[in-house]
Amino acid sequence: MLATPPNRLSFSGHESFQCRNLWLKKGYDFAKANRSFTDEDAVVELGVGKNMVNAIRFWMKAFGLTKDDSDAPNELADKLFNDNNGWDP
């Protein structure tokens, strides 16, 4: 990623993936399981390439679905994607 001012995210070169169908739900489920996008096995667990793991993390932050200081899902993410009572499980 490029150096940017705080609270501003950007892609560079090979990381410029558009947000794909189900990435936000996949990222939510992964983060909800107390997993980190920087884990060595994140590629295997998410079933995507390394650059796509970075892209999922980026889009989770860009859509405001993670807490400011971590990759953990925030209240909005829970309201959207929770399997039991989410708006779009």
PDB file of N, CA and C in Angstrom:
ATOM      1  N   MET A   1       0.835  -1.181   0.000  1.00  0.00           N
ATOM      2  CA  MET A   1       0.000   0.000   0.000  1.00  0.00           C
ATOM      3  C   MET A   1       0.879   1.243   0.000  1.00  0.00           C
ATOM      4  N   LEU A   2       0.376   2.274  -0.554  1.00  0.00           N
ATOM      5  CA  LEU A   2       1.093   3.537  -0.594  1.00  0.00           C
ATOM      6  C   LEU A   2       0.973   4.263   0.729  1.00  0.00           C
ATOM      7  N   ALA A   3       1.939   5.087   1.030  1.00  0.00           N
ATOM      8  CA  ALA A   3       1.851   5.918   2.222  1.00  0.00           C
ATOM      9  C   ALA A   3       0.778   6.972   1.992  1.00  0.00           C
ATOM     10  N   THR A   4      -0.198   7.000   2.878  1.00  0.00           N
ATOM     11  CA  THR A   4      -1.302   7.944   2.748  1.00  0.00           C
ATOM     12  C   THR A   4      -1.590   8.568   4.102  1.00  0.00           C
ATOM     13  N   PRO A   5      -2.304   9.688   4.098  1.00  0.00           N
ATOM     14  CA  PRO A   5      -2.677  10.296   5.380  1.00  0.00           C
ATOM     15  C   PRO A   5      -3.527   9.324   6.197  1.00  0.00           C
ATOM     16  N   PRO A   6      -3.567   9.485   7.517  1.00  0.00           N
ATOM     17  CA  PRO A   6      -4.391   8.622   8.367  1.00  0.00           C
ATOM     18  C   PRO A   6      -5.847   8.605   7.896  1.00  0.00           C
ATOM     19  N   ASN A   7      -6.506   7.477   8.089  1.00  0.00           N
ATOM     20  CA  ASN A   7      -7.907   7.276   7.726  1.00  0.00           C
ATOM     21  C   ASN A   7      -8.141   7.308   6.224  1.00  0.00           C
ATOM     22  N   ARG A   8      -7.091   7.154   5.443  1.00  0.00           N
ATOM     23  CA  ARG A   8      -7.256   7.114   3.998  1.00  0.00           C
ATOM     24  C   ARG A   8      -6.529   5.889   3.475  1.00  0.00           C
ATOM     25  N   LEU A   9      -7.247   5.016   2.777  1.00  0.00           N
ATOM     26  CA  LEU A   9      -6.671   3.789   2.259  1.00  0.00           C
ATOM     27  C   LEU A   9      -6.534   3.884   0.748  1.00  0.00           C
ATOM     28  N   SER A  10      -5.531   3.225   0.206  1.00  0.00           N
ATOM     29  CA  SER A  10      -5.394   3.205  -1.245  1.00  0.00           C
ATOM     30  C   SER A  10      -4.724   1.912  -1.685  1.00  0.00           C
ATOM     31  N   PHE A  11      -4.996   1.526  -2.925  1.00  0.00           N
ATOM     32  CA  PHE A  11      -4.367   0.357  -3.528  1.00  0.00           C
ATOM     33  C   PHE A  11      -3.193   0.810  -4.375  1.00  0.00           C
ATOM     34  N   SER A  12      -2.296  -0.106  -4.621  1.00  0.00           N
ATOM     35  CA  SER A  12      -1.233   0.166  -5.572  1.00  0.00           C
ATOM     36  C   SER A  12      -1.073  -1.042  -6.483  1.00  0.00           C
ATOM     37  N   GLY A  13      -0.877  -0.791  -7.755  1.00  0.00           N
ATOM     38  CA  GLY A  13      -0.573  -1.807  -8.747  1.00  0.00           C
ATOM     39  C   GLY A  13      -1.385  -3.083  -8.686  1.00  0.00           C
ATOM     40  N   HIS A  14      -0.734  -4.188  -8.334  1.00  0.00           N
ATOM     41  CA  HIS A  14      -1.341  -5.510  -8.383  1.00  0.00           C
ATOM     42  C   HIS A  14      -2.436  -5.718  -7.332  1.00  0.00           C
ATOM     43  N   GLU A  15      -2.608  -4.810  -6.388  1.00  0.00           N
ATOM     44  CA  GLU A  15      -3.630  -4.964  -5.355  1.00  0.00           C
ATOM     45  C   GLU A  15      -4.930  -4.253  -5.724  1.00  0.00           C
ATOM     46  N   SER A  16      -5.086  -3.863  -6.946  1.00  0.00           N
ATOM     47  CA  SER A  16      -6.254  -3.060  -7.333  1.00  0.00           C
ATOM     48  C   SER A  16      -7.453  -3.911  -7.730  1.00  0.00           C
ATOM     49  N   PHE A  17      -7.874  -4.810  -6.852  1.00  0.00           N
ATOM     50  CA  PHE A  17      -9.034  -5.651  -7.106  1.00  0.00           C
ATOM     51  C   PHE A  17     -10.310  -4.907  -6.730  1.00  0.00           C
ATOM     52  N   GLN A  18     -11.302  -4.965  -7.592  1.00  0.00           N
ATOM     53  CA  GLN A  18     -12.612  -4.425  -7.235  1.00  0.00           C
ATOM     54  C   GLN A  18     -13.228  -5.345  -6.180  1.00  0.00           C
ATOM     55  N   CYS A  19     -14.178  -4.834  -5.435  1.00  0.00           N
ATOM     56  CA  CYS A  19     -14.839  -5.638  -4.418  1.00  0.00           C
ATOM     57  C   CYS A  19     -15.678  -6.705  -5.122  1.00  0.00           C
ATOM     58  N   ARG A  20     -15.435  -7.937  -4.804  1.00  0.00           N
ATOM     59  CA  ARG A  20     -16.113  -9.059  -5.456  1.00  0.00           C
ATOM     60  C   ARG A  20     -17.295  -9.543  -4.631  1.00  0.00           C
ATOM     61  N   ASN A  21     -18.206 -10.206  -5.328  1.00  0.00           N
ATOM     62  CA  ASN A  21     -19.395 -10.776  -4.698  1.00  0.00           C
ATOM     63  C   ASN A  21     -18.972 -11.703  -3.543  1.00  0.00           C
ATOM     64  N   LEU A  22     -19.556 -11.521  -2.391  1.00  0.00           N
ATOM     65  CA  LEU A  22     -19.357 -12.323  -1.178  1.00  0.00           C
ATOM     66  C   LEU A  22     -18.047 -12.072  -0.434  1.00  0.00           C
ATOM     67  N   TRP A  23     -17.168 -11.191  -0.914  1.00  0.00           N
ATOM     68  CA  TRP A  23     -15.934 -10.916  -0.184  1.00  0.00           C
ATOM     69  C   TRP A  23     -16.209 -10.318   1.192  1.00  0.00           C
ATOM     70  N   LEU A  24     -17.182  -9.434   1.294  1.00  0.00           N
ATOM     71  CA  LEU A  24     -17.453  -8.797   2.589  1.00  0.00           C
ATOM     72  C   LEU A  24     -17.960  -9.825   3.591  1.00  0.00           C
ATOM     73  N   LYS A  25     -18.834 -10.712   3.161  1.00  0.00           N
ATOM     74  CA  LYS A  25     -19.339 -11.774   4.048  1.00  0.00           C
ATOM     75  C   LYS A  25     -18.206 -12.718   4.416  1.00  0.00           C
ATOM     76  N   LYS A  26     -17.391 -13.085   3.451  1.00  0.00           N
ATOM     77  CA  LYS A  26     -16.256 -13.976   3.697  1.00  0.00           C
ATOM     78  C   LYS A  26     -15.283 -13.320   4.686  1.00  0.00           C
ATOM     79  N   GLY A  27     -15.003 -12.046   4.481  1.00  0.00           N
ATOM     80  CA  GLY A  27     -14.123 -11.316   5.392  1.00  0.00           C
ATOM     81  C   GLY A  27     -14.722 -11.193   6.778  1.00  0.00           C
ATOM     82  N   TYR A  28     -16.032 -10.956   6.837  1.00  0.00           N
ATOM     83  CA  TYR A  28     -16.723 -10.862   8.131  1.00  0.00           C
ATOM     84  C   TYR A  28     -16.612 -12.181   8.891  1.00  0.00           C
ATOM     85  N   ASP A  29     -16.959 -13.280   8.234  1.00  0.00           N
ATOM     86  CA  ASP A  29     -16.908 -14.588   8.898  1.00  0.00           C
ATOM     87  C   ASP A  29     -15.497 -14.912   9.382  1.00  0.00           C
ATOM     88  N   PHE A  30     -14.506 -14.587   8.566  1.00  0.00           N
ATOM     89  CA  PHE A  30     -13.113 -14.827   8.923  1.00  0.00           C
ATOM     90  C   PHE A  30     -12.724 -14.011  10.148  1.00  0.00           C
ATOM     91  N   ALA A  31     -13.028 -12.725  10.128  1.00  0.00           N
ATOM     92  CA  ALA A  31     -12.681 -11.844  11.248  1.00  0.00           C
ATOM     93  C   ALA A  31     -13.489 -12.177  12.502  1.00  0.00           C
ATOM     94  N   LYS A  32     -14.736 -12.578  12.317  1.00  0.00           N
ATOM     95  CA  LYS A  32     -15.602 -12.924  13.456  1.00  0.00           C
ATOM     96  C   LYS A  32     -15.055 -14.150  14.194  1.00  0.00           C
ATOM     97  N   ALA A  33     -14.328 -14.993  13.483  1.00  0.00           N
ATOM     98  CA  ALA A  33     -13.711 -16.171  14.095  1.00  0.00           C
ATOM     99  C   ALA A  33     -12.381 -15.816  14.772  1.00  0.00           C
ATOM    100  N   ASN A  34     -12.194 -14.519  15.034  1.00  0.00           N
ATOM    101  CA  ASN A  34     -10.975 -14.006  15.679  1.00  0.00           C
ATOM    102  C   ASN A  34      -9.717 -14.331  14.888  1.00  0.00           C
ATOM    103  N   ARG A  35      -9.835 -14.317  13.583  1.00  0.00           N
ATOM    104  CA  ARG A  35      -8.699 -14.550  12.698  1.00  0.00           C
ATOM    105  C   ARG A  35      -8.175 -13.203  12.219  1.00  0.00           C
ATOM    106  N   SER A  36      -6.925 -13.180  11.815  1.00  0.00           N
ATOM    107  CA  SER A  36      -6.304 -11.967  11.300  1.00  0.00           C
ATOM    108  C   SER A  36      -5.968 -12.158   9.831  1.00  0.00           C
ATOM    109  N   PHE A  37      -6.166 -11.109   9.053  1.00  0.00           N
ATOM    110  CA  PHE A  37      -5.839 -11.167   7.634  1.00  0.00           C
ATOM    111  C   PHE A  37      -4.335 -11.305   7.402  1.00  0.00           C
ATOM    112  N   THR A  38      -3.544 -11.127   8.442  1.00  0.00           N
ATOM    113  CA  THR A  38      -2.096 -11.285   8.322  1.00  0.00           C
ATOM    114  C   THR A  38      -1.628 -12.679   8.745  1.00  0.00           C
ATOM    115  N   ASP A  39      -2.535 -13.550   9.172  1.00  0.00           N
ATOM    116  CA  ASP A  39      -2.166 -14.923   9.520  1.00  0.00           C
ATOM    117  C   ASP A  39      -1.560 -15.625   8.318  1.00  0.00           C
ATOM    118  N   GLU A  40      -0.587 -16.498   8.565  1.00  0.00           N
ATOM    119  CA  GLU A  40       0.074 -17.210   7.475  1.00  0.00           C
ATOM    120  C   GLU A  40      -0.890 -18.058   6.664  1.00  0.00           C
ATOM    121  N   ASP A  41      -1.921 -18.606   7.320  1.00  0.00           N
ATOM    122  CA  ASP A  41      -2.865 -19.482   6.609  1.00  0.00           C
ATOM    123  C   ASP A  41      -4.126 -18.756   6.134  1.00  0.00           C
ATOM    124  N   ALA A  42      -4.111 -17.430   6.141  1.00  0.00           N
ATOM    125  CA  ALA A  42      -5.286 -16.675   5.686  1.00  0.00           C
ATOM    126  C   ALA A  42      -5.613 -16.988   4.228  1.00  0.00           C
ATOM    127  N   VAL A  43      -4.602 -17.198   3.419  1.00  0.00           N
ATOM    128  CA  VAL A  43      -4.804 -17.529   2.004  1.00  0.00           C
ATOM    129  C   VAL A  43      -5.598 -18.824   1.881  1.00  0.00           C
ATOM    130  N   VAL A  44      -5.220 -19.828   2.647  1.00  0.00           N
ATOM    131  CA  VAL A  44      -5.895 -21.127   2.600  1.00  0.00           C
ATOM    132  C   VAL A  44      -7.300 -21.017   3.177  1.00  0.00           C
ATOM    133  N   GLU A  45      -7.423 -20.374   4.317  1.00  0.00           N
ATOM    134  CA  GLU A  45      -8.725 -20.280   4.998  1.00  0.00           C
ATOM    135  C   GLU A  45      -9.747 -19.480   4.186  1.00  0.00           C
ATOM    136  N   LEU A  46      -9.305 -18.416   3.525  1.00  0.00           N
ATOM    137  CA  LEU A  46     -10.219 -17.603   2.728  1.00  0.00           C
ATOM    138  C   LEU A  46     -10.399 -18.156   1.318  1.00  0.00           C
ATOM    139  N   GLY A  47      -9.483 -19.011   0.881  1.00  0.00           N
ATOM    140  CA  GLY A  47      -9.587 -19.620  -0.433  1.00  0.00           C
ATOM    141  C   GLY A  47      -9.302 -18.665  -1.582  1.00  0.00           C
ATOM    142  N   VAL A  48      -8.454 -17.683  -1.331  1.00  0.00           N
ATOM    143  CA  VAL A  48      -8.083 -16.701  -2.358  1.00  0.00           C
ATOM    144  C   VAL A  48      -6.574 -16.496  -2.313  1.00  0.00           C
ATOM    145  N   GLY A  49      -6.038 -15.777  -3.282  1.00  0.00           N
ATOM    146  CA  GLY A  49      -4.617 -15.478  -3.308  1.00  0.00           C
ATOM    147  C   GLY A  49      -4.227 -14.431  -2.278  1.00  0.00           C
ATOM    148  N   LYS A  50      -2.913 -14.300  -2.050  1.00  0.00           N
ATOM    149  CA  LYS A  50      -2.395 -13.370  -1.043  1.00  0.00           C
ATOM    150  C   LYS A  50      -2.840 -11.931  -1.303  1.00  0.00           C
ATOM    151  N   ASN A  51      -2.765 -11.506  -2.557  1.00  0.00           N
ATOM    152  CA  ASN A  51      -3.175 -10.139  -2.867  1.00  0.00           C
ATOM    153  C   ASN A  51      -4.670  -9.948  -2.661  1.00  0.00           C
ATOM    154  N   MET A  52      -5.450 -10.996  -2.879  1.00  0.00           N
ATOM    155  CA  MET A  52      -6.897 -10.899  -2.658  1.00  0.00           C
ATOM    156  C   MET A  52      -7.218 -10.848  -1.164  1.00  0.00           C
ATOM    157  N   VAL A  53      -6.406 -11.499  -0.325  1.00  0.00           N
ATOM    158  CA  VAL A  53      -6.583 -11.373   1.129  1.00  0.00           C
ATOM    159  C   VAL A  53      -6.426  -9.905   1.513  1.00  0.00           C
ATOM    160  N   ASN A  54      -5.392  -9.261   0.974  1.00  0.00           N
ATOM    161  CA  ASN A  54      -5.182  -7.834   1.241  1.00  0.00           C
ATOM    162  C   ASN A  54      -6.351  -7.003   0.729  1.00  0.00           C
ATOM    163  N   ALA A  55      -6.902  -7.388  -0.423  1.00  0.00           N
ATOM    164  CA  ALA A  55      -8.033  -6.660  -0.990  1.00  0.00           C
ATOM    165  C   ALA A  55      -9.280  -6.818  -0.123  1.00  0.00           C
ATOM    166  N   ILE A  56      -9.534  -8.020   0.387  1.00  0.00           N
ATOM    167  CA  ILE A  56     -10.697  -8.238   1.271  1.00  0.00           C
ATOM    168  C   ILE A  56     -10.546  -7.370   2.514  1.00  0.00           C
ATOM    169  N   ARG A  57      -9.362  -7.367   3.079  1.00  0.00           N
ATOM    170  CA  ARG A  57      -9.106  -6.526   4.258  1.00  0.00           C
ATOM    171  C   ARG A  57      -9.350  -5.050   3.929  1.00  0.00           C
ATOM    172  N   PHE A  58      -8.847  -4.604   2.775  1.00  0.00           N
ATOM    173  CA  PHE A  58      -9.046  -3.228   2.338  1.00  0.00           C
ATOM    174  C   PHE A  58     -10.534  -2.900   2.226  1.00  0.00           C
ATOM    175  N   TRP A  59     -11.302  -3.745   1.548  1.00  0.00           N
ATOM    176  CA  TRP A  59     -12.714  -3.460   1.331  1.00  0.00           C
ATOM    177  C   TRP A  59     -13.512  -3.506   2.631  1.00  0.00           C
ATOM    178  N   MET A  60     -13.132  -4.368   3.561  1.00  0.00           N
ATOM    179  CA  MET A  60     -13.791  -4.375   4.870  1.00  0.00           C
ATOM    180  C   MET A  60     -13.604  -3.008   5.545  1.00  0.00           C
ATOM    181  N   LYS A  61     -12.398  -2.480   5.486  1.00  0.00           N
ATOM    182  CA  LYS A  61     -12.125  -1.163   6.079  1.00  0.00           C
ATOM    183  C   LYS A  61     -12.806  -0.052   5.281  1.00  0.00           C
ATOM    184  N   ALA A  62     -12.737  -0.140   3.958  1.00  0.00           N
ATOM    185  CA  ALA A  62     -13.295   0.907   3.103  1.00  0.00           C
ATOM    186  C   ALA A  62     -14.811   1.028   3.267  1.00  0.00           C
ATOM    187  N   PHE A  63     -15.499  -0.088   3.502  1.00  0.00           N
ATOM    188  CA  PHE A  63     -16.941  -0.058   3.707  1.00  0.00           C
ATOM    189  C   PHE A  63     -17.307   0.222   5.163  1.00  0.00           C
ATOM    190  N   GLY A  64     -16.313   0.448   6.009  1.00  0.00           N
ATOM    191  CA  GLY A  64     -16.568   0.793   7.412  1.00  0.00           C
ATOM    192  C   GLY A  64     -17.095  -0.374   8.220  1.00  0.00           C
ATOM    193  N   LEU A  65     -16.591  -1.583   7.959  1.00  0.00           N
ATOM    194  CA  LEU A  65     -17.095  -2.784   8.622  1.00  0.00           C
ATOM    195  C   LEU A  65     -16.162  -3.330   9.695  1.00  0.00           C
ATOM    196  N   THR A  66     -15.053  -2.624   9.948  1.00  0.00           N
ATOM    197  CA  THR A  66     -14.121  -3.058  10.981  1.00  0.00           C
ATOM    198  C   THR A  66     -13.922  -1.950  12.002  1.00  0.00           C
ATOM    199  N   LYS A  67     -13.499  -2.358  13.181  1.00  0.00           N
ATOM    200  CA  LYS A  67     -13.186  -1.383  14.215  1.00  0.00           C
ATOM    201  C   LYS A  67     -11.943  -0.619  13.797  1.00  0.00           C
ATOM    202  N   ASP A  68     -11.853   0.634  14.208  1.00  0.00           N
ATOM    203  CA  ASP A  68     -10.768   1.514  13.771  1.00  0.00           C
ATOM    204  C   ASP A  68      -9.380   0.966  14.057  1.00  0.00           C
ATOM    205  N   ASP A  69      -9.214   0.319  15.197  1.00  0.00           N
ATOM    206  CA  ASP A  69      -7.885  -0.098  15.627  1.00  0.00           C
ATOM    207  C   ASP A  69      -7.560  -1.561  15.326  1.00  0.00           C
ATOM    208  N   SER A  70      -8.448  -2.261  14.604  1.00  0.00           N
ATOM    209  CA  SER A  70      -8.196  -3.676  14.339  1.00  0.00           C
ATOM    210  C   SER A  70      -8.987  -4.144  13.115  1.00  0.00           C
ATOM    211  N   ASP A  71      -8.832  -5.429  12.800  1.00  0.00           N
ATOM    212  CA  ASP A  71      -9.602  -6.041  11.719  1.00  0.00           C
ATOM    213  C   ASP A  71     -10.906  -6.647  12.232  1.00  0.00           C
ATOM    214  N   ALA A  72     -11.188  -6.491  13.516  1.00  0.00           N
ATOM    215  CA  ALA A  72     -12.397  -7.081  14.099  1.00  0.00           C
ATOM    216  C   ALA A  72     -13.644  -6.406  13.530  1.00  0.00           C
ATOM    217  N   PRO A  73     -14.695  -7.185  13.258  1.00  0.00           N
ATOM    218  CA  PRO A  73     -15.934  -6.603  12.738  1.00  0.00           C
ATOM    219  C   PRO A  73     -16.558  -5.650  13.752  1.00  0.00           C
ATOM    220  N   ASN A  74     -17.159  -4.580  13.260  1.00  0.00           N
ATOM    221  CA  ASN A  74     -17.828  -3.635  14.146  1.00  0.00           C
ATOM    222  C   ASN A  74     -19.329  -3.926  14.201  1.00  0.00           C
ATOM    223  N   GLU A  75     -20.064  -3.055  14.856  1.00  0.00           N
ATOM    224  CA  GLU A  75     -21.501  -3.258  15.049  1.00  0.00           C
ATOM    225  C   GLU A  75     -22.261  -3.279  13.720  1.00  0.00           C
ATOM    226  N   LEU A  76     -21.882  -2.423  12.790  1.00  0.00           N
ATOM    227  CA  LEU A  76     -22.532  -2.403  11.480  1.00  0.00           C
ATOM    228  C   LEU A  76     -22.350  -3.742  10.767  1.00  0.00           C
ATOM    229  N   ALA A  77     -21.143  -4.279  10.798  1.00  0.00           N
ATOM    230  CA  ALA A  77     -20.875  -5.575  10.166  1.00  0.00           C
ATOM    231  C   ALA A  77     -21.738  -6.659  10.785  1.00  0.00           C
ATOM    232  N   ASP A  78     -21.873  -6.642  12.115  1.00  0.00           N
ATOM    233  CA  ASP A  78     -22.726  -7.625  12.790  1.00  0.00           C
ATOM    234  C   ASP A  78     -24.179  -7.488  12.350  1.00  0.00           C
ATOM    235  N   LYS A  79     -24.653  -6.256  12.242  1.00  0.00           N
ATOM    236  CA  LYS A  79     -26.040  -6.046  11.816  1.00  0.00           C
ATOM    237  C   LYS A  79     -26.266  -6.520  10.381  1.00  0.00           C
ATOM    238  N   LEU A  80     -25.278  -6.394   9.549  1.00  0.00           N
ATOM    239  CA  LEU A  80     -25.411  -6.824   8.160  1.00  0.00           C
ATOM    240  C   LEU A  80     -25.271  -8.333   7.989  1.00  0.00           C
ATOM    241  N   PHE A  81     -24.227  -8.927   8.553  1.00  0.00           N
ATOM    242  CA  PHE A  81     -23.816 -10.274   8.170  1.00  0.00           C
ATOM    243  C   PHE A  81     -23.992 -11.369   9.208  1.00  0.00           C
ATOM    244  N   ASN A  82     -24.481 -11.051  10.392  1.00  0.00           N
ATOM    245  CA  ASN A  82     -24.646 -12.083  11.409  1.00  0.00           C
ATOM    246  C   ASN A  82     -25.578 -13.179  10.888  1.00  0.00           C
ATOM    247  N   ASP A  83     -25.155 -14.440  11.026  1.00  0.00           N
ATOM    248  CA  ASP A  83     -25.943 -15.560  10.496  1.00  0.00           C
ATOM    249  C   ASP A  83     -27.295 -15.731  11.176  1.00  0.00           C
ATOM    250  N   ASN A  84     -27.415 -15.316  12.414  1.00  0.00           N
ATOM    251  CA  ASN A  84     -28.671 -15.513  13.153  1.00  0.00           C
ATOM    252  C   ASN A  84     -29.684 -14.398  12.957  1.00  0.00           C
ATOM    253  N   ASN A  85     -29.225 -13.145  12.987  1.00  0.00           N
ATOM    254  CA  ASN A  85     -30.182 -12.038  12.913  1.00  0.00           C
ATOM    255  C   ASN A  85     -29.685 -10.871  12.064  1.00  0.00           C
ATOM    256  N   GLY A  86     -28.749 -11.128  11.157  1.00  0.00           N
ATOM    257  CA  GLY A  86     -28.235 -10.071  10.298  1.00  0.00           C
ATOM    258  C   GLY A  86     -29.227  -9.700   9.200  1.00  0.00           C
ATOM    259  N   TRP A  87     -29.082  -8.504   8.672  1.00  0.00           N
ATOM    260  CA  TRP A  87     -29.952  -8.039   7.601  1.00  0.00           C
ATOM    261  C   TRP A  87     -29.719  -8.790   6.301  1.00  0.00           C
ATOM    262  N   ASP A  88     -28.479  -9.255   6.089  1.00  0.00           N
ATOM    263  CA  ASP A  88     -28.139  -9.959   4.848  1.00  0.00           C
ATOM    264  C   ASP A  88     -27.164 -11.105   5.140  1.00  0.00           C
ATOM    265  N   PRO A  89     -27.641 -12.110   5.912  1.00  0.00           N
ATOM    266  CA  PRO A  89     -26.729 -13.182   6.316  1.00  0.00           C
ATOM    267  C   PRO A  89     -26.280 -14.014   5.127  1.00  0.00           C
TER     268      PRO A  89
END
